[in-house]
């Protein structure tokens, strides 16, 4: 039943969702809804994706992706994302930070030049 619900949600977005045995049903539904909201540029959902990557919730721990999502969420107005981005910077190399910033810039509109693009 849960799989059918997810399939219907994915069909609406023309996306496929890969289910793994290690994720709980509630976590999968939450992950999907967070990703869907992030597509709608919801700053809280963007921050949540960063948190998931930082903590390894439903995904492998990945500080580069966590930084990227925090970076974008901060740009969209989530203050906590800025705090978390600063904190995770201490766990990353300069090369990782550069990679995360370059990736984040690609996700933002070309005409936007936020002041958070400066290296920390």
Protein backbone atom coordinates (compact mmCIF):
# COMPACT_ATOMS: atom_id res chain seq x y z
CA UNK A 1 0.00 0.00 0.00
CA UNK A 2 2.77 2.43 0.90
CA UNK A 3 4.60 1.64 -2.35
CA UNK A 4 1.43 2.39 -4.34
CA UNK A 5 1.08 5.77 -2.62
CA UNK A 6 4.69 6.68 -3.37
CA UNK A 7 4.32 5.53 -6.98
CA UNK A 8 1.25 7.75 -7.41
CA UNK A 9 3.09 10.73 -5.92
CA UNK A 10 6.11 10.09 -8.14
CA UNK A 11 3.92 9.72 -11.23
CA UNK A 12 2.45 13.15 -10.58
CA UNK A 13 5.94 14.65 -10.63
CA UNK A 14 7.15 12.37 -13.48
CA UNK A 15 9.90 11.11 -11.19
CA UNK A 16 10.95 7.74 -9.92
CA UNK A 17 11.73 7.04 -6.31
CA UNK A 18 14.14 4.30 -5.31
CA UNK A 19 13.11 2.57 -2.13
CA UNK A 20 15.72 0.85 -0.05
CA UNK A 21 15.28 -1.76 2.63
CA UNK A 22 17.15 0.32 5.22
CA UNK A 23 14.74 3.27 5.22
CA UNK A 24 11.55 3.22 7.21
CA UNK A 25 8.25 3.96 5.51
CA UNK A 26 7.79 7.15 7.49
CA UNK A 27 11.30 8.33 6.65
CA UNK A 28 10.75 7.64 2.94
CA UNK A 29 7.52 9.59 2.90
CA UNK A 30 9.17 12.44 4.78
CA UNK A 31 12.16 12.44 2.43
CA UNK A 32 9.89 12.54 -0.60
CA UNK A 33 7.81 15.40 0.79
CA UNK A 34 10.94 17.32 1.76
CA UNK A 35 12.33 16.92 -1.75
CA UNK A 36 9.02 17.94 -3.33
CA UNK A 37 8.83 21.05 -1.17
CA UNK A 38 12.45 21.87 -1.98
CA UNK A 39 11.53 21.85 -5.66
CA UNK A 40 9.00 24.54 -4.79
CA UNK A 41 11.83 26.58 -3.27
CA UNK A 42 10.70 26.10 0.31
CA UNK A 43 13.60 27.32 2.46
CA UNK A 44 12.68 25.07 5.39
CA UNK A 45 12.69 21.98 3.15
CA UNK A 46 16.03 23.02 1.68
CA UNK A 47 17.43 23.33 5.20
CA UNK A 48 16.00 19.90 6.06
CA UNK A 49 17.76 18.35 3.07
CA UNK A 50 21.03 19.87 4.30
CA UNK A 51 20.40 18.42 7.74
CA UNK A 52 19.65 15.00 6.28
CA UNK A 53 22.95 14.98 4.36
CA UNK A 54 24.88 16.24 7.37
CA UNK A 55 23.46 13.58 9.69
CA UNK A 56 23.13 10.75 7.16
CA UNK A 57 19.36 10.44 7.52
CA UNK A 58 18.13 8.33 4.60
CA UNK A 59 21.32 9.13 2.65
CA UNK A 60 25.04 8.69 3.13
CA UNK A 61 26.62 11.45 5.19
CA UNK A 62 27.92 14.03 2.73
CA UNK A 63 29.19 17.36 4.00
CA UNK A 64 29.53 18.82 0.51
CA UNK A 65 25.85 18.23 -0.24
CA UNK A 66 24.86 19.34 3.25
CA UNK A 67 26.77 22.59 2.82
CA UNK A 68 25.21 23.11 -0.62
CA UNK A 69 21.63 22.72 0.67
CA UNK A 70 22.34 24.91 3.70
CA UNK A 71 23.85 27.51 1.37
CA UNK A 72 20.76 27.57 -0.86
CA UNK A 73 18.37 27.56 2.12
CA UNK A 74 20.24 30.48 3.65
CA UNK A 75 19.92 32.37 0.38
CA UNK A 76 16.17 31.65 0.41
CA UNK A 77 15.89 33.18 3.89
CA UNK A 78 16.40 30.36 6.40
CA UNK A 79 18.56 31.85 9.17
CA UNK A 80 19.25 28.49 10.84
CA UNK A 81 20.72 27.22 7.57
CA UNK A 82 23.37 29.93 7.80
CA UNK A 83 24.25 28.85 11.33
CA UNK A 84 24.45 25.21 10.26
CA UNK A 85 26.49 26.10 7.17
CA UNK A 86 29.04 27.92 9.34
CA UNK A 87 29.23 24.96 11.73
CA UNK A 88 29.73 22.35 9.01
CA UNK A 89 32.48 24.46 7.44
CA UNK A 90 34.73 23.41 10.33
CA UNK A 91 34.40 19.77 9.18
CA UNK A 92 35.33 20.47 5.55
CA UNK A 93 38.45 21.14 3.51
CA UNK A 94 38.73 24.31 1.39
CA UNK A 95 38.35 22.16 -1.74
CA UNK A 96 35.10 20.68 -0.45
CA UNK A 97 33.76 24.15 0.38
CA UNK A 98 34.63 25.40 -3.10
CA UNK A 99 32.89 22.41 -4.68
CA UNK A 100 29.76 22.97 -2.58
CA UNK A 101 29.66 26.68 -3.42
CA UNK A 102 30.08 26.07 -7.16
CA UNK A 103 27.28 23.49 -7.10
CA UNK A 104 25.00 25.79 -5.09
CA UNK A 105 25.57 28.67 -7.50
CA UNK A 106 24.35 26.46 -10.33
CA UNK A 107 21.09 25.90 -8.44
CA UNK A 108 20.37 29.60 -8.00
CA UNK A 109 19.10 31.95 -10.72
CA UNK A 110 21.87 33.50 -12.81
CA UNK A 111 20.73 37.04 -12.04
CA UNK A 112 21.07 36.55 -8.27
CA UNK A 113 24.35 37.49 -6.62
CA UNK A 114 23.88 36.86 -2.90
CA UNK A 115 26.50 38.06 -0.46
CA UNK A 116 26.80 34.58 1.10
CA UNK A 117 28.99 33.41 -1.78
CA UNK A 118 32.06 34.66 0.01
CA UNK A 119 34.26 31.96 1.48
CA UNK A 120 34.14 31.57 5.21
